[in-house]
Amino acid sequence: MSIDKPLTAFFGPGASQDATTITFTKADLVSTKTPPAFTGLVPQAENSSESIISVLLMKAAENQDTSQDSQFFVFPPESSIVSVVSDGIQKPFDQYLFTVRMLIPRGQEYPNPNLI
């Protein structure tokens, strides 16, 4: 049976929600494992959207329900080295590919987060 964890289990003790907002503190967006599973978000006045989405994905993966019937699962990333043109120069980068599984009842045209 899947486990419905509270928001604080995923995003730390400062996480909360009400009918219109979700709140979490940037300082809570760190790995709780020893040693840390990932580098946490360094809180700044303006963190990039990509850095926030990235750490939310990694935090969700670290604290997710791992039961067989979990409806949402983030698989460990696959890594590879890729060569990308950046600033007009071909450069090597580490690439991490995350796979997210969402189990949604049949008949939906697109995933509906309200059905998880």
C-alpha atoms as a PDB file:
ATOM      1  CA  MET A   1       0.000   0.000   0.000  1.00  0.00           C
ATOM      2  CA  SER A   2       1.386   3.406  -0.905  1.00  0.00           C
ATOM      3  CA  ILE A   3       2.342   5.787   1.873  1.00  0.00           C
ATOM      4  CA  ASP A   4       1.080   9.364   1.756  1.00  0.00           C
ATOM      5  CA  LYS A   5       3.873  11.281   3.498  1.00  0.00           C
ATOM      6  CA  PRO A   6       3.270  14.780   4.849  1.00  0.00           C
ATOM      7  CA  LEU A   7       4.827  17.766   3.101  1.00  0.00           C
ATOM      8  CA  THR A   8       7.324  18.159   5.964  1.00  0.00           C
ATOM      9  CA  ALA A   9       8.703  14.650   5.281  1.00  0.00           C
ATOM     10  CA  PHE A  10       9.707  15.785   1.794  1.00  0.00           C
ATOM     11  CA  PHE A  11      10.625  19.429   2.254  1.00  0.00           C
ATOM     12  CA  GLY A  12      11.615  19.863   5.901  1.00  0.00           C
ATOM     13  CA  PRO A  13      10.062  21.179   9.098  1.00  0.00           C
ATOM     14  CA  GLY A  14       9.442  24.635   7.610  1.00  0.00           C
ATOM     15  CA  ALA A  15       7.117  23.254   4.919  1.00  0.00           C
ATOM     16  CA  SER A  16       3.408  24.030   5.090  1.00  0.00           C
ATOM     17  CA  GLN A  17       0.406  24.476   2.859  1.00  0.00           C
ATOM     18  CA  ASP A  18      -3.084  25.889   2.915  1.00  0.00           C
ATOM     19  CA  ALA A  19      -5.811  26.212   0.290  1.00  0.00           C
ATOM     20  CA  THR A  20      -3.830  28.671  -1.851  1.00  0.00           C
ATOM     21  CA  THR A  21      -0.114  28.483  -0.996  1.00  0.00           C
ATOM     22  CA  ILE A  22       2.756  26.055  -0.497  1.00  0.00           C
ATOM     23  CA  THR A  23       5.614  27.279   1.687  1.00  0.00           C
ATOM     24  CA  PHE A  24       9.021  25.769   2.348  1.00  0.00           C
ATOM     25  CA  THR A  25      12.273  27.281   3.488  1.00  0.00           C
ATOM     26  CA  LYS A  26      15.303  27.246   1.225  1.00  0.00           C
ATOM     27  CA  ALA A  27      17.481  26.247   4.190  1.00  0.00           C
ATOM     28  CA  ASP A  28      15.499  22.971   4.470  1.00  0.00           C
ATOM     29  CA  LEU A  29      16.321  21.996   0.868  1.00  0.00           C
ATOM     30  CA  VAL A  30      19.356  19.915   1.825  1.00  0.00           C
ATOM     31  CA  SER A  31      20.032  16.199   1.975  1.00  0.00           C
ATOM     32  CA  THR A  32      19.220  14.632   5.335  1.00  0.00           C
ATOM     33  CA  LYS A  33      21.375  11.558   4.652  1.00  0.00           C
ATOM     34  CA  THR A  34      24.864  10.946   6.050  1.00  0.00           C
ATOM     35  CA  PRO A  35      26.888  11.450   3.947  1.00  0.00           C
ATOM     36  CA  PRO A  36      24.670  13.872   2.012  1.00  0.00           C
ATOM     37  CA  ALA A  37      23.054  12.395  -1.113  1.00  0.00           C
ATOM     38  CA  PHE A  38      23.234  15.737  -2.937  1.00  0.00           C
ATOM     39  CA  THR A  39      24.449  19.296  -2.505  1.00  0.00           C
ATOM     40  CA  GLY A  40      21.716  21.379  -0.950  1.00  0.00           C
ATOM     41  CA  LEU A  41      20.438  24.671  -2.218  1.00  0.00           C
ATOM     42  CA  VAL A  42      22.483  27.658  -1.018  1.00  0.00           C
ATOM     43  CA  PRO A  43      19.806  30.209  -0.085  1.00  0.00           C
ATOM     44  CA  GLN A  44      20.170  33.489  -1.959  1.00  0.00           C
ATOM     45  CA  ALA A  45      17.836  36.424  -2.463  1.00  0.00           C
ATOM     46  CA  GLU A  46      17.185  35.203  -6.019  1.00  0.00           C
ATOM     47  CA  ASN A  47      17.965  31.507  -6.647  1.00  0.00           C
ATOM     48  CA  SER A  48      17.362  30.483 -10.257  1.00  0.00           C
ATOM     49  CA  SER A  49      14.137  28.661 -11.090  1.00  0.00           C
ATOM     50  CA  GLU A  50      16.194  25.766 -12.447  1.00  0.00           C
ATOM     51  CA  SER A  51      18.170  25.388  -9.211  1.00  0.00           C
ATOM     52  CA  ILE A  52      14.947  25.361  -7.161  1.00  0.00           C
ATOM     53  CA  ILE A  53      13.270  22.786  -9.431  1.00  0.00           C
ATOM     54  CA  SER A  54      16.433  20.658  -9.369  1.00  0.00           C
ATOM     55  CA  VAL A  55      16.693  20.562  -5.585  1.00  0.00           C
ATOM     56  CA  LEU A  56      12.949  19.862  -5.244  1.00  0.00           C
ATOM     57  CA  LEU A  57      13.365  16.854  -7.539  1.00  0.00           C
ATOM     58  CA  MET A  58      16.374  15.580  -5.576  1.00  0.00           C
ATOM     59  CA  LYS A  59      14.609  16.167  -2.239  1.00  0.00           C
ATOM     60  CA  ALA A  60      11.547  14.288  -3.487  1.00  0.00           C
ATOM     61  CA  ALA A  61      13.745  11.401  -4.655  1.00  0.00           C
ATOM     62  CA  GLU A  62      15.501  11.205  -1.287  1.00  0.00           C
ATOM     63  CA  ASN A  63      12.285  11.136   0.768  1.00  0.00           C
ATOM     64  CA  GLN A  64       9.853   9.360  -1.552  1.00  0.00           C
ATOM     65  CA  ASP A  65       7.558   6.444  -0.883  1.00  0.00           C
ATOM     66  CA  THR A  66       9.432   3.354  -2.068  1.00  0.00           C
ATOM     67  CA  SER A  67       6.562   0.870  -1.726  1.00  0.00           C
ATOM     68  CA  GLN A  68       5.709  -1.206  -4.818  1.00  0.00           C
ATOM     69  CA  ASP A  69       2.397   0.605  -5.376  1.00  0.00           C
ATOM     70  CA  SER A  70       3.720   4.139  -5.043  1.00  0.00           C
ATOM     71  CA  GLN A  71       2.019   6.376  -7.627  1.00  0.00           C
ATOM     72  CA  PHE A  72       4.963   8.778  -7.923  1.00  0.00           C
ATOM     73  CA  PHE A  73       8.565   7.612  -8.106  1.00  0.00           C
ATOM     74  CA  VAL A  74      11.816   9.352  -9.053  1.00  0.00           C
ATOM     75  CA  PHE A  75      14.385   6.814 -10.251  1.00  0.00           C
ATOM     76  CA  PRO A  76      18.060   7.397  -9.426  1.00  0.00           C
ATOM     77  CA  PRO A  77      19.709   9.517 -12.108  1.00  0.00           C
ATOM     78  CA  GLU A  78      21.720   7.997 -14.924  1.00  0.00           C
ATOM     79  CA  SER A  79      24.891   9.942 -15.582  1.00  0.00           C
ATOM     80  CA  SER A  80      26.999  10.362 -18.681  1.00  0.00           C
ATOM     81  CA  ILE A  81      29.488  12.806 -20.150  1.00  0.00           C
ATOM     82  CA  VAL A  82      28.236  14.926 -23.029  1.00  0.00           C
ATOM     83  CA  SER A  83      29.903  17.547 -25.183  1.00  0.00           C
ATOM     84  CA  VAL A  84      27.915  20.753 -25.582  1.00  0.00           C
ATOM     85  CA  VAL A  85      28.680  24.079 -27.250  1.00  0.00           C
ATOM     86  CA  SER A  86      28.658  26.722 -24.517  1.00  0.00           C
ATOM     87  CA  ASP A  87      29.732  30.315 -25.169  1.00  0.00           C
ATOM     88  CA  GLY A  88      30.805  29.244 -28.663  1.00  0.00           C
ATOM     89  CA  ILE A  89      33.195  26.564 -27.353  1.00  0.00           C
ATOM     90  CA  GLN A  90      32.703  22.805 -27.284  1.00  0.00           C
ATOM     91  CA  LYS A  91      32.865  21.776 -23.595  1.00  0.00           C
ATOM     92  CA  PRO A  92      32.353  18.518 -21.689  1.00  0.00           C
ATOM     93  CA  PHE A  93      29.534  18.379 -19.115  1.00  0.00           C
ATOM     94  CA  ASP A  94      28.256  15.731 -16.730  1.00  0.00           C
ATOM     95  CA  GLN A  95      24.664  14.950 -17.690  1.00  0.00           C
ATOM     96  CA  TYR A  96      22.167  13.522 -15.185  1.00  0.00           C
ATOM     97  CA  LEU A  97      18.919  12.066 -16.494  1.00  0.00           C
ATOM     98  CA  PHE A  98      16.101  11.588 -14.010  1.00  0.00           C
ATOM     99  CA  THR A  99      13.131   9.397 -14.818  1.00  0.00           C
ATOM    100  CA  VAL A 100       9.870  10.159 -13.032  1.00  0.00           C
ATOM    101  CA  ARG A 101       7.076   7.577 -12.944  1.00  0.00           C
ATOM    102  CA  MET A 102       3.497   8.732 -12.350  1.00  0.00           C
ATOM    103  CA  LEU A 103       0.757   6.125 -12.099  1.00  0.00           C
ATOM    104  CA  ILE A 104      -2.550   7.693 -13.133  1.00  0.00           C
ATOM    105  CA  PRO A 105      -5.868   5.863 -13.694  1.00  0.00           C
ATOM    106  CA  ARG A 106      -6.498   5.022 -17.362  1.00  0.00           C
ATOM    107  CA  GLY A 107      -8.422   7.391 -19.587  1.00  0.00           C
ATOM    108  CA  GLN A 108      -6.512  10.599 -18.890  1.00  0.00           C
ATOM    109  CA  GLU A 109      -5.131  12.527 -21.871  1.00  0.00           C
ATOM    110  CA  TYR A 110      -2.325  13.990 -19.749  1.00  0.00           C
ATOM    111  CA  PRO A 111      -1.062  13.297 -16.195  1.00  0.00           C
ATOM    112  CA  ASN A 112      -3.339  14.810 -13.573  1.00  0.00           C
ATOM    113  CA  PRO A 113      -1.521  15.554 -10.289  1.00  0.00           C
ATOM    114  CA  ASN A 114      -4.860  15.545  -8.455  1.00  0.00           C
ATOM    115  CA  LEU A 115      -5.152  11.794  -9.085  1.00  0.00           C
ATOM    116  CA  ILE A 116      -1.918  10.893  -7.270  1.00  0.00           C
END
